[in-house]
């Protein structure tokens, strides 16, 4: 869910694959998942089974994405994701995305799965972060009363301005006021 700062935190991705060709290396399928934030053609983070398990898994789980290294030296920060069994989904908490800021933003994910014979298949998906919270109106209203040399006193009831009183010598004139705010 997008928070009040228009940020999406802790989004998890998962996918699954099945190999029917008989090339399952020890019963496992290896993954490379590349995320392109903002769908701008830049590969921003990679989750892969082709590197050794590293501290970047804990950095990812703790939200410390700036500390993630590029272990396979392809120019993209890497996080280890364990291979999956044939037909099994990538487990929860394996692919957690960094905080995504923005009211409306599109993102792309490239999924590549490789079997024991180095055959691979790819698929692509996309998602949009959408702020669906209705706006909270704040009405700021400024009223000016030309009272000339007379003094103006504000009348407040229950924390709201309900009118003004003009002090003119010995008698008072009440100016009623109604403030209405419509949620658009």
N, C-alpha and C. Protein backbone atom coordinates (compact mmCIF):
# COMPACT_ATOMS: atom_id res chain seq x y z
N UNK A 1 0.84 -1.17 0.00
CA UNK A 1 0.00 0.00 0.00
C UNK A 1 0.89 1.24 0.00
N UNK A 2 0.48 2.25 -0.72
CA UNK A 2 1.20 3.51 -0.79
C UNK A 2 0.90 4.29 0.48
N UNK A 3 1.98 4.79 1.15
CA UNK A 3 1.78 5.51 2.41
C UNK A 3 1.48 6.99 2.16
N UNK A 4 1.40 7.77 3.23
CA UNK A 4 1.02 9.17 3.12
C UNK A 4 2.06 10.00 2.38
N UNK A 5 3.29 9.51 2.27
CA UNK A 5 4.34 10.21 1.54
C UNK A 5 4.44 9.74 0.10
N UNK A 6 3.42 9.05 -0.38
CA UNK A 6 3.40 8.49 -1.73
C UNK A 6 4.57 7.54 -1.95
N UNK A 7 4.84 6.70 -0.96
CA UNK A 7 5.91 5.71 -1.06
C UNK A 7 5.33 4.32 -0.84
N UNK A 8 5.80 3.39 -1.66
CA UNK A 8 5.42 1.98 -1.51
C UNK A 8 6.62 1.27 -0.91
N UNK A 9 6.42 0.65 0.25
CA UNK A 9 7.51 -0.01 0.95
C UNK A 9 7.23 -1.50 1.08
N UNK A 10 8.29 -2.31 0.91
CA UNK A 10 8.20 -3.74 1.19
C UNK A 10 7.47 -4.57 0.15
N UNK A 11 7.35 -4.08 -1.08
CA UNK A 11 6.68 -4.87 -2.12
C UNK A 11 7.51 -6.12 -2.41
N UNK A 12 6.86 -7.27 -2.42
CA UNK A 12 7.54 -8.54 -2.69
C UNK A 12 7.08 -9.08 -4.03
N UNK A 13 8.04 -9.61 -4.79
CA UNK A 13 7.73 -10.24 -6.07
C UNK A 13 7.96 -11.74 -5.96
N UNK A 14 7.19 -12.50 -6.71
CA UNK A 14 7.40 -13.94 -6.78
C UNK A 14 6.95 -14.44 -8.13
N UNK A 15 7.46 -15.59 -8.51
CA UNK A 15 7.10 -16.23 -9.77
C UNK A 15 7.43 -17.70 -9.62
N UNK A 16 6.99 -18.51 -10.56
CA UNK A 16 7.36 -19.92 -10.54
C UNK A 16 7.55 -20.40 -11.97
N UNK A 17 8.30 -21.51 -12.08
CA UNK A 17 8.58 -22.07 -13.40
C UNK A 17 8.57 -23.59 -13.30
N UNK A 18 8.30 -24.21 -14.44
CA UNK A 18 8.30 -25.67 -14.54
C UNK A 18 9.15 -26.06 -15.73
N UNK A 19 10.03 -27.06 -15.52
CA UNK A 19 10.85 -27.59 -16.61
C UNK A 19 10.38 -29.01 -16.92
N UNK A 20 9.92 -29.22 -18.14
CA UNK A 20 9.45 -30.56 -18.53
C UNK A 20 10.45 -31.26 -19.45
N UNK A 21 11.63 -30.62 -19.65
CA UNK A 21 12.62 -31.18 -20.57
C UNK A 21 13.61 -32.13 -19.95
N UNK A 22 13.56 -32.35 -18.66
CA UNK A 22 14.46 -33.31 -18.03
C UNK A 22 15.84 -32.76 -17.71
N UNK A 23 16.05 -31.48 -17.77
CA UNK A 23 17.37 -30.88 -17.49
C UNK A 23 17.36 -30.13 -16.17
N UNK A 24 16.83 -30.72 -15.16
CA UNK A 24 16.77 -30.05 -13.86
C UNK A 24 18.00 -30.46 -13.08
N UNK A 25 18.89 -29.50 -12.86
CA UNK A 25 20.14 -29.73 -12.15
C UNK A 25 19.84 -29.91 -10.66
N UNK A 26 19.96 -31.13 -10.19
CA UNK A 26 19.68 -31.45 -8.78
C UNK A 26 18.28 -31.00 -8.36
N UNK A 27 17.35 -30.96 -9.31
CA UNK A 27 15.98 -30.61 -8.99
C UNK A 27 15.73 -29.13 -8.84
N UNK A 28 16.70 -28.29 -9.24
CA UNK A 28 16.57 -26.86 -9.03
C UNK A 28 16.56 -26.07 -10.33
N UNK A 29 15.86 -24.95 -10.30
CA UNK A 29 15.86 -23.98 -11.38
C UNK A 29 16.45 -22.69 -10.84
N UNK A 30 17.34 -22.07 -11.62
CA UNK A 30 18.01 -20.84 -11.17
C UNK A 30 17.36 -19.63 -11.83
N UNK A 31 17.34 -18.52 -11.08
CA UNK A 31 16.63 -17.32 -11.48
C UNK A 31 17.56 -16.13 -11.66
N UNK A 32 17.18 -15.25 -12.58
CA UNK A 32 17.71 -13.90 -12.69
C UNK A 32 16.50 -12.99 -12.88
N UNK A 33 16.30 -12.10 -11.94
CA UNK A 33 15.15 -11.20 -11.98
C UNK A 33 15.71 -9.77 -11.96
N UNK A 34 15.42 -9.02 -13.01
CA UNK A 34 15.94 -7.66 -13.11
C UNK A 34 14.77 -6.69 -13.10
N UNK A 35 14.89 -5.69 -12.22
CA UNK A 35 13.82 -4.71 -12.05
C UNK A 35 14.28 -3.36 -12.63
N UNK A 36 13.44 -2.79 -13.45
CA UNK A 36 13.65 -1.48 -14.06
C UNK A 36 12.63 -0.52 -13.46
N UNK A 37 13.07 0.21 -12.42
CA UNK A 37 12.17 1.18 -11.80
C UNK A 37 11.92 2.33 -12.77
N UNK A 38 10.70 2.79 -12.82
CA UNK A 38 10.23 3.87 -13.69
C UNK A 38 10.16 3.46 -15.16
N UNK A 39 10.46 2.19 -15.47
CA UNK A 39 10.39 1.70 -16.85
C UNK A 39 11.10 2.64 -17.81
N UNK A 40 12.30 3.07 -17.39
CA UNK A 40 13.05 4.03 -18.20
C UNK A 40 14.19 3.39 -18.99
N UNK A 41 14.24 2.04 -19.00
CA UNK A 41 15.28 1.34 -19.75
C UNK A 41 16.56 1.11 -18.97
N UNK A 42 16.59 1.50 -17.69
CA UNK A 42 17.76 1.29 -16.85
C UNK A 42 17.49 0.12 -15.90
N UNK A 43 18.39 -0.87 -15.91
CA UNK A 43 18.26 -1.99 -14.98
C UNK A 43 18.76 -1.54 -13.62
N UNK A 44 17.87 -1.53 -12.62
CA UNK A 44 18.19 -0.91 -11.34
C UNK A 44 18.64 -1.90 -10.26
N UNK A 45 18.09 -3.09 -10.24
CA UNK A 45 18.48 -4.09 -9.23
C UNK A 45 18.27 -5.47 -9.82
N UNK A 46 19.15 -6.41 -9.42
CA UNK A 46 19.10 -7.78 -9.94
C UNK A 46 19.03 -8.75 -8.76
N UNK A 47 18.13 -9.69 -8.86
CA UNK A 47 18.02 -10.79 -7.90
C UNK A 47 18.41 -12.04 -8.68
N UNK A 48 19.43 -12.78 -8.21
CA UNK A 48 19.96 -13.88 -9.02
C UNK A 48 20.40 -15.07 -8.19
N UNK A 49 20.28 -16.24 -8.78
CA UNK A 49 20.77 -17.48 -8.18
C UNK A 49 22.19 -17.77 -8.63
N UNK A 50 22.77 -16.94 -9.48
CA UNK A 50 24.08 -17.20 -10.07
C UNK A 50 25.23 -16.53 -9.33
N UNK A 51 25.00 -16.08 -8.12
CA UNK A 51 26.06 -15.58 -7.25
C UNK A 51 25.97 -16.35 -5.95
N UNK A 52 27.04 -16.28 -5.17
CA UNK A 52 27.03 -16.95 -3.87
C UNK A 52 26.12 -16.17 -2.92
N UNK A 53 25.49 -16.87 -1.97
CA UNK A 53 24.71 -16.14 -0.97
C UNK A 53 25.61 -15.08 -0.31
N UNK A 54 25.08 -13.90 -0.09
CA UNK A 54 25.89 -12.81 0.42
C UNK A 54 25.11 -11.99 1.43
N UNK A 55 25.78 -11.00 1.99
CA UNK A 55 25.16 -10.13 2.99
C UNK A 55 24.05 -9.27 2.41
N UNK A 56 24.01 -9.20 1.09
CA UNK A 56 23.01 -8.34 0.48
C UNK A 56 21.59 -8.83 0.72
N UNK A 57 21.43 -10.11 1.04
CA UNK A 57 20.10 -10.61 1.40
C UNK A 57 19.64 -9.93 2.69
N UNK A 58 20.53 -9.87 3.68
CA UNK A 58 20.14 -9.21 4.94
C UNK A 58 20.01 -7.70 4.73
N UNK A 59 20.87 -7.11 3.88
CA UNK A 59 20.71 -5.68 3.58
C UNK A 59 19.35 -5.42 2.97
N UNK A 60 18.92 -6.30 2.06
CA UNK A 60 17.63 -6.15 1.41
C UNK A 60 16.50 -6.27 2.43
N UNK A 61 16.56 -7.29 3.27
CA UNK A 61 15.50 -7.51 4.25
C UNK A 61 15.42 -6.38 5.28
N UNK A 62 16.56 -5.73 5.55
CA UNK A 62 16.59 -4.63 6.50
C UNK A 62 16.34 -3.28 5.84
N UNK A 63 16.10 -3.29 4.54
CA UNK A 63 15.84 -2.05 3.83
C UNK A 63 17.08 -1.22 3.55
N UNK A 64 18.26 -1.82 3.70
CA UNK A 64 19.53 -1.11 3.48
C UNK A 64 19.98 -1.33 2.04
N UNK A 65 19.23 -0.80 1.10
CA UNK A 65 19.47 -1.07 -0.32
C UNK A 65 20.72 -0.38 -0.86
N UNK A 66 21.15 0.71 -0.22
CA UNK A 66 22.34 1.41 -0.68
C UNK A 66 23.61 0.58 -0.48
N UNK A 67 23.57 -0.40 0.42
CA UNK A 67 24.75 -1.21 0.71
C UNK A 67 24.86 -2.44 -0.19
N UNK A 68 23.93 -2.63 -1.11
CA UNK A 68 23.95 -3.82 -1.97
C UNK A 68 25.06 -3.69 -3.02
N UNK A 69 25.84 -4.75 -3.14
CA UNK A 69 27.00 -4.76 -4.05
C UNK A 69 26.63 -5.33 -5.41
N UNK A 70 27.55 -5.18 -6.35
CA UNK A 70 27.44 -5.77 -7.68
C UNK A 70 28.41 -6.95 -7.75
N UNK A 71 28.00 -8.10 -7.20
CA UNK A 71 28.91 -9.25 -7.10
C UNK A 71 29.29 -9.87 -8.43
N UNK A 72 28.39 -9.84 -9.41
CA UNK A 72 28.73 -10.46 -10.71
C UNK A 72 29.27 -9.44 -11.71
N UNK A 73 29.50 -8.22 -11.24
CA UNK A 73 30.15 -7.16 -12.01
C UNK A 73 29.51 -6.88 -13.37
N UNK A 74 28.18 -6.84 -13.38
CA UNK A 74 27.48 -6.50 -14.62
C UNK A 74 26.90 -5.08 -14.56
N UNK A 75 27.27 -4.34 -13.54
CA UNK A 75 26.82 -2.96 -13.43
C UNK A 75 25.48 -2.78 -12.72
N UNK A 76 24.92 -3.88 -12.20
CA UNK A 76 23.62 -3.82 -11.53
C UNK A 76 23.80 -4.39 -10.12
N UNK A 77 23.34 -3.69 -9.08
CA UNK A 77 23.44 -4.24 -7.72
C UNK A 77 22.71 -5.59 -7.64
N UNK A 78 23.36 -6.57 -6.99
CA UNK A 78 22.86 -7.95 -6.96
C UNK A 78 22.40 -8.36 -5.56
N UNK A 79 21.33 -9.13 -5.52
CA UNK A 79 20.86 -9.77 -4.30
C UNK A 79 20.67 -11.24 -4.64
N UNK A 80 21.18 -12.11 -3.78
CA UNK A 80 21.05 -13.54 -4.00
C UNK A 80 19.61 -13.97 -3.79
N UNK A 81 19.12 -14.81 -4.71
CA UNK A 81 17.83 -15.47 -4.55
C UNK A 81 18.08 -16.96 -4.76
N UNK A 82 17.61 -17.78 -3.86
CA UNK A 82 17.87 -19.22 -3.92
C UNK A 82 17.16 -19.84 -5.13
N UNK A 83 17.77 -20.87 -5.73
CA UNK A 83 17.07 -21.61 -6.79
C UNK A 83 15.79 -22.23 -6.22
N UNK A 84 14.87 -22.55 -7.10
CA UNK A 84 13.61 -23.16 -6.67
C UNK A 84 13.50 -24.56 -7.24
N UNK A 85 12.70 -25.36 -6.59
CA UNK A 85 12.40 -26.70 -7.10
C UNK A 85 11.50 -26.55 -8.33
N UNK A 86 11.47 -27.57 -9.14
CA UNK A 86 10.65 -27.58 -10.35
C UNK A 86 9.18 -27.33 -9.97
N UNK A 87 8.59 -26.28 -10.52
CA UNK A 87 7.19 -25.95 -10.25
C UNK A 87 6.95 -25.17 -8.98
N UNK A 88 7.99 -24.92 -8.20
CA UNK A 88 7.82 -24.18 -6.93
C UNK A 88 8.00 -22.68 -7.15
N UNK A 89 7.31 -21.91 -6.35
CA UNK A 89 7.41 -20.45 -6.43
C UNK A 89 8.62 -19.96 -5.64
N UNK A 90 9.13 -18.82 -6.06
CA UNK A 90 10.17 -18.15 -5.29
C UNK A 90 9.56 -17.81 -3.93
N UNK A 91 10.20 -18.22 -2.83
CA UNK A 91 9.59 -18.03 -1.51
C UNK A 91 9.40 -16.56 -1.13
N UNK A 92 8.46 -16.33 -0.24
CA UNK A 92 8.23 -14.98 0.29
C UNK A 92 9.51 -14.48 0.93
N UNK A 93 9.69 -13.18 0.95
CA UNK A 93 10.87 -12.50 1.50
C UNK A 93 12.14 -12.76 0.71
N UNK A 94 12.04 -13.35 -0.47
CA UNK A 94 13.23 -13.55 -1.30
C UNK A 94 13.49 -12.36 -2.19
N UNK A 95 12.44 -11.76 -2.73
CA UNK A 95 12.58 -10.59 -3.59
C UNK A 95 11.72 -9.48 -2.99
N UNK A 96 12.40 -8.58 -2.26
CA UNK A 96 11.74 -7.42 -1.66
C UNK A 96 12.31 -6.20 -2.36
N UNK A 97 11.45 -5.37 -2.88
CA UNK A 97 11.91 -4.19 -3.61
C UNK A 97 12.20 -3.04 -2.67
N UNK A 98 13.14 -2.17 -3.07
CA UNK A 98 13.36 -0.95 -2.28
C UNK A 98 12.11 -0.09 -2.28
N UNK A 99 12.08 0.89 -1.42
CA UNK A 99 10.96 1.84 -1.37
C UNK A 99 10.81 2.51 -2.73
N UNK A 100 9.58 2.54 -3.22
CA UNK A 100 9.28 3.18 -4.49
C UNK A 100 8.50 4.45 -4.19
N UNK A 101 9.06 5.58 -4.58
CA UNK A 101 8.41 6.87 -4.35
C UNK A 101 7.73 7.34 -5.63
N UNK A 102 6.63 7.99 -5.47
CA UNK A 102 5.94 8.54 -6.63
C UNK A 102 4.47 8.23 -6.59
N UNK A 103 3.68 9.19 -7.02
CA UNK A 103 2.23 9.03 -6.98
C UNK A 103 1.73 8.04 -8.01
N UNK A 104 2.21 8.15 -9.20
CA UNK A 104 1.83 7.23 -10.28
C UNK A 104 3.12 6.87 -11.01
N UNK A 105 3.53 5.62 -10.93
CA UNK A 105 4.77 5.25 -11.59
C UNK A 105 4.67 3.82 -12.12
N UNK A 106 5.23 3.61 -13.30
CA UNK A 106 5.27 2.30 -13.94
C UNK A 106 6.65 1.69 -13.77
N UNK A 107 6.68 0.36 -13.64
CA UNK A 107 7.93 -0.35 -13.43
C UNK A 107 7.89 -1.66 -14.21
N UNK A 108 9.08 -2.15 -14.63
CA UNK A 108 9.16 -3.39 -15.41
C UNK A 108 10.02 -4.42 -14.68
N UNK A 109 9.66 -5.68 -14.88
CA UNK A 109 10.42 -6.78 -14.30
C UNK A 109 10.70 -7.80 -15.40
N UNK A 110 11.97 -8.19 -15.52
CA UNK A 110 12.35 -9.25 -16.47
C UNK A 110 12.68 -10.49 -15.66
N UNK A 111 12.01 -11.59 -15.96
CA UNK A 111 12.20 -12.86 -15.26
C UNK A 111 12.92 -13.81 -16.20
N UNK A 112 14.04 -14.37 -15.76
CA UNK A 112 14.76 -15.37 -16.56
C UNK A 112 15.00 -16.57 -15.67
N UNK A 113 14.61 -17.75 -16.14
CA UNK A 113 14.83 -18.98 -15.38
C UNK A 113 15.66 -19.92 -16.24
N UNK A 114 16.63 -20.58 -15.59
CA UNK A 114 17.59 -21.43 -16.30
C UNK A 114 17.57 -22.82 -15.68
N UNK A 115 17.59 -23.85 -16.54
CA UNK A 115 17.61 -25.23 -16.03
C UNK A 115 19.06 -25.74 -16.01
N UNK A 116 19.24 -27.01 -15.64
CA UNK A 116 20.57 -27.61 -15.51
C UNK A 116 21.32 -27.77 -16.82
N UNK A 117 20.66 -27.72 -17.96
CA UNK A 117 21.30 -27.80 -19.27
C UNK A 117 21.57 -26.41 -19.85
N UNK A 118 21.41 -25.40 -19.06
CA UNK A 118 21.61 -23.99 -19.46
C UNK A 118 20.58 -23.51 -20.48
N UNK A 119 19.47 -24.21 -20.56
CA UNK A 119 18.34 -23.69 -21.34
C UNK A 119 17.67 -22.63 -20.48
N UNK A 120 17.15 -21.61 -21.11
CA UNK A 120 16.49 -20.59 -20.32
C UNK A 120 15.26 -20.08 -21.03
N UNK A 121 14.40 -19.51 -20.25
CA UNK A 121 13.20 -18.87 -20.76
C UNK A 121 13.05 -17.55 -20.02
N UNK A 122 12.49 -16.57 -20.71
CA UNK A 122 12.27 -15.27 -20.09
C UNK A 122 10.82 -14.84 -20.25
N UNK A 123 10.39 -14.05 -19.36
CA UNK A 123 9.09 -13.40 -19.49
C UNK A 123 9.21 -12.03 -18.83
N UNK A 124 8.31 -11.16 -19.16
CA UNK A 124 8.34 -9.79 -18.64
C UNK A 124 6.99 -9.46 -18.01
N UNK A 125 7.05 -8.68 -16.99
CA UNK A 125 5.83 -8.19 -16.37
C UNK A 125 6.05 -6.73 -16.01
N UNK A 126 4.97 -6.06 -15.72
CA UNK A 126 5.07 -4.68 -15.29
C UNK A 126 4.05 -4.43 -14.19
N UNK A 127 4.29 -3.40 -13.44
CA UNK A 127 3.33 -3.02 -12.41
C UNK A 127 3.35 -1.52 -12.26
N UNK A 128 2.26 -1.01 -11.74
CA UNK A 128 2.11 0.43 -11.53
C UNK A 128 1.85 0.69 -10.06
N UNK A 129 2.54 1.68 -9.52
CA UNK A 129 2.26 2.14 -8.18
C UNK A 129 1.26 3.28 -8.33
N UNK A 130 0.10 3.10 -7.75
CA UNK A 130 -0.97 4.09 -7.89
C UNK A 130 -1.41 4.56 -6.53
N UNK A 131 -1.45 5.86 -6.35
CA UNK A 131 -1.96 6.46 -5.13
C UNK A 131 -3.48 6.52 -5.28
N UNK A 132 -4.19 5.70 -4.51
CA UNK A 132 -5.64 5.66 -4.61
C UNK A 132 -6.33 6.33 -3.42
N UNK A 133 -5.55 6.99 -2.57
CA UNK A 133 -6.13 7.67 -1.42
C UNK A 133 -6.79 8.97 -1.90
N UNK A 134 -8.01 9.16 -1.48
CA UNK A 134 -8.72 10.39 -1.82
C UNK A 134 -8.04 11.57 -1.14
N UNK A 135 -8.07 12.72 -1.76
CA UNK A 135 -7.43 13.88 -1.14
C UNK A 135 -8.15 14.30 0.14
N UNK A 136 -7.39 14.89 1.03
CA UNK A 136 -7.96 15.44 2.26
C UNK A 136 -7.98 16.95 2.10
N UNK A 137 -9.15 17.53 1.92
CA UNK A 137 -9.20 18.98 1.69
C UNK A 137 -8.85 19.75 2.95
N UNK A 138 -8.12 20.81 2.76
CA UNK A 138 -7.81 21.73 3.84
C UNK A 138 -8.27 23.10 3.36
N UNK A 139 -9.22 23.66 4.05
CA UNK A 139 -9.78 24.94 3.63
C UNK A 139 -9.11 26.06 4.41
N UNK A 140 -8.41 26.89 3.70
CA UNK A 140 -7.82 28.07 4.29
C UNK A 140 -8.59 29.26 3.75
N UNK A 141 -9.28 29.92 4.61
CA UNK A 141 -10.14 31.02 4.17
C UNK A 141 -9.70 32.28 4.90
N UNK A 142 -9.51 33.33 4.13
CA UNK A 142 -9.13 34.60 4.73
C UNK A 142 -10.23 35.60 4.42
N UNK A 143 -10.75 36.20 5.46
CA UNK A 143 -11.78 37.21 5.30
C UNK A 143 -11.23 38.54 5.78
N UNK A 144 -11.50 39.56 5.04
CA UNK A 144 -11.09 40.90 5.45
C UNK A 144 -12.34 41.76 5.56
N UNK A 145 -12.44 42.41 6.67
CA UNK A 145 -13.57 43.29 6.88
C UNK A 145 -13.03 44.71 6.98
N UNK A 146 -13.56 45.57 6.16
CA UNK A 146 -13.16 46.97 6.20
C UNK A 146 -13.97 47.63 7.30
N UNK A 147 -13.34 47.78 8.42
CA UNK A 147 -14.03 48.34 9.56
C UNK A 147 -13.68 49.79 9.78
N UNK A 148 -12.93 50.35 8.89
CA UNK A 148 -12.54 51.74 9.05
C UNK A 148 -11.75 51.91 10.32
N UNK A 149 -12.18 52.80 11.16
CA UNK A 149 -11.47 53.04 12.41
C UNK A 149 -12.03 52.18 13.54
N UNK A 150 -13.02 51.35 13.22
CA UNK A 150 -13.64 50.51 14.25
C UNK A 150 -12.78 49.27 14.53
N UNK A 151 -12.87 48.73 15.69
CA UNK A 151 -12.15 47.51 16.05
C UNK A 151 -12.98 46.29 15.66
N UNK A 152 -12.28 45.19 15.22
CA UNK A 152 -12.96 43.96 14.81
C UNK A 152 -12.60 42.87 15.81
N UNK A 153 -13.61 42.16 16.27
CA UNK A 153 -13.39 41.05 17.19
C UNK A 153 -13.89 39.78 16.52
N UNK A 154 -13.09 38.71 16.54
CA UNK A 154 -13.46 37.43 15.95
C UNK A 154 -14.26 36.62 16.95
N UNK A 155 -15.36 36.02 16.49
CA UNK A 155 -16.17 35.16 17.33
C UNK A 155 -15.84 33.72 16.97
N UNK A 156 -15.39 32.95 17.96
CA UNK A 156 -15.01 31.56 17.74
C UNK A 156 -15.90 30.67 18.60
N UNK A 157 -16.47 29.62 17.97
CA UNK A 157 -17.27 28.65 18.71
C UNK A 157 -16.80 27.26 18.31
N UNK A 158 -16.50 26.45 19.29
CA UNK A 158 -16.03 25.08 19.05
C UNK A 158 -14.83 25.05 18.10
N UNK A 159 -13.91 26.01 18.28
CA UNK A 159 -12.72 26.02 17.46
C UNK A 159 -12.91 26.57 16.06
N UNK A 160 -14.09 27.05 15.73
CA UNK A 160 -14.36 27.58 14.40
C UNK A 160 -14.76 29.05 14.47
N UNK A 161 -14.36 29.77 13.46
CA UNK A 161 -14.78 31.17 13.37
C UNK A 161 -16.24 31.18 12.91
N UNK A 162 -17.08 31.79 13.69
CA UNK A 162 -18.50 31.84 13.31
C UNK A 162 -18.96 33.25 12.97
N UNK A 163 -18.15 34.24 13.23
CA UNK A 163 -18.54 35.60 12.87
C UNK A 163 -17.58 36.62 13.43
N UNK A 164 -17.90 37.88 13.17
CA UNK A 164 -17.10 38.99 13.65
C UNK A 164 -18.03 39.98 14.33
N UNK A 165 -17.52 40.68 15.30
CA UNK A 165 -18.27 41.76 15.94
C UNK A 165 -17.50 43.05 15.71
N UNK A 166 -18.20 44.01 15.25
CA UNK A 166 -17.61 45.33 15.06
C UNK A 166 -17.96 46.18 16.28
N UNK A 167 -16.96 46.69 16.94
CA UNK A 167 -17.18 47.55 18.11
C UNK A 167 -17.26 48.98 17.62
N UNK A 168 -18.43 49.58 17.77
CA UNK A 168 -18.62 50.96 17.33
C UNK A 168 -19.18 51.73 18.52
N UNK A 169 -18.32 52.45 19.16
CA UNK A 169 -18.64 53.22 20.35
C UNK A 169 -19.31 52.33 21.38
N UNK A 170 -20.58 52.51 21.71
CA UNK A 170 -21.19 51.78 22.81
C UNK A 170 -22.02 50.58 22.37
N UNK A 171 -22.23 50.39 21.10
CA UNK A 171 -23.04 49.24 20.70
C UNK A 171 -22.23 48.35 19.74
N UNK A 172 -22.65 47.07 19.62
CA UNK A 172 -21.94 46.11 18.78
C UNK A 172 -22.83 45.68 17.65
N UNK A 173 -22.24 45.43 16.50
CA UNK A 173 -22.94 44.89 15.34
C UNK A 173 -22.35 43.51 15.07
N UNK A 174 -23.15 42.47 14.94
CA UNK A 174 -22.68 41.12 14.67
C UNK A 174 -22.80 40.84 13.18
N UNK A 175 -21.70 40.38 12.60
CA UNK A 175 -21.68 40.02 11.18
C UNK A 175 -21.61 38.49 11.13
N UNK A 176 -22.74 37.82 10.85
CA UNK A 176 -22.70 36.35 10.81
C UNK A 176 -21.90 35.87 9.59
N UNK A 177 -21.34 34.71 9.72
CA UNK A 177 -20.50 34.16 8.66
C UNK A 177 -20.67 32.66 8.64
N UNK A 178 -20.83 32.09 7.48
CA UNK A 178 -20.92 30.64 7.34
C UNK A 178 -19.76 30.19 6.47
N UNK A 179 -18.98 29.23 6.98
CA UNK A 179 -17.84 28.70 6.23
C UNK A 179 -18.17 27.28 5.85
N UNK A 180 -18.16 26.99 4.56
CA UNK A 180 -18.45 25.64 4.10
C UNK A 180 -17.32 25.19 3.19
N UNK A 181 -16.88 23.98 3.37
CA UNK A 181 -15.83 23.43 2.53
C UNK A 181 -16.37 22.18 1.87
N UNK A 182 -16.30 22.12 0.56
CA UNK A 182 -16.79 20.96 -0.18
C UNK A 182 -15.62 20.09 -0.58
N UNK A 183 -15.76 18.83 -0.40
CA UNK A 183 -14.74 17.86 -0.83
C UNK A 183 -14.98 17.56 -2.31
N UNK A 184 -14.01 17.88 -3.12
CA UNK A 184 -14.17 17.72 -4.57
C UNK A 184 -13.51 16.44 -4.99
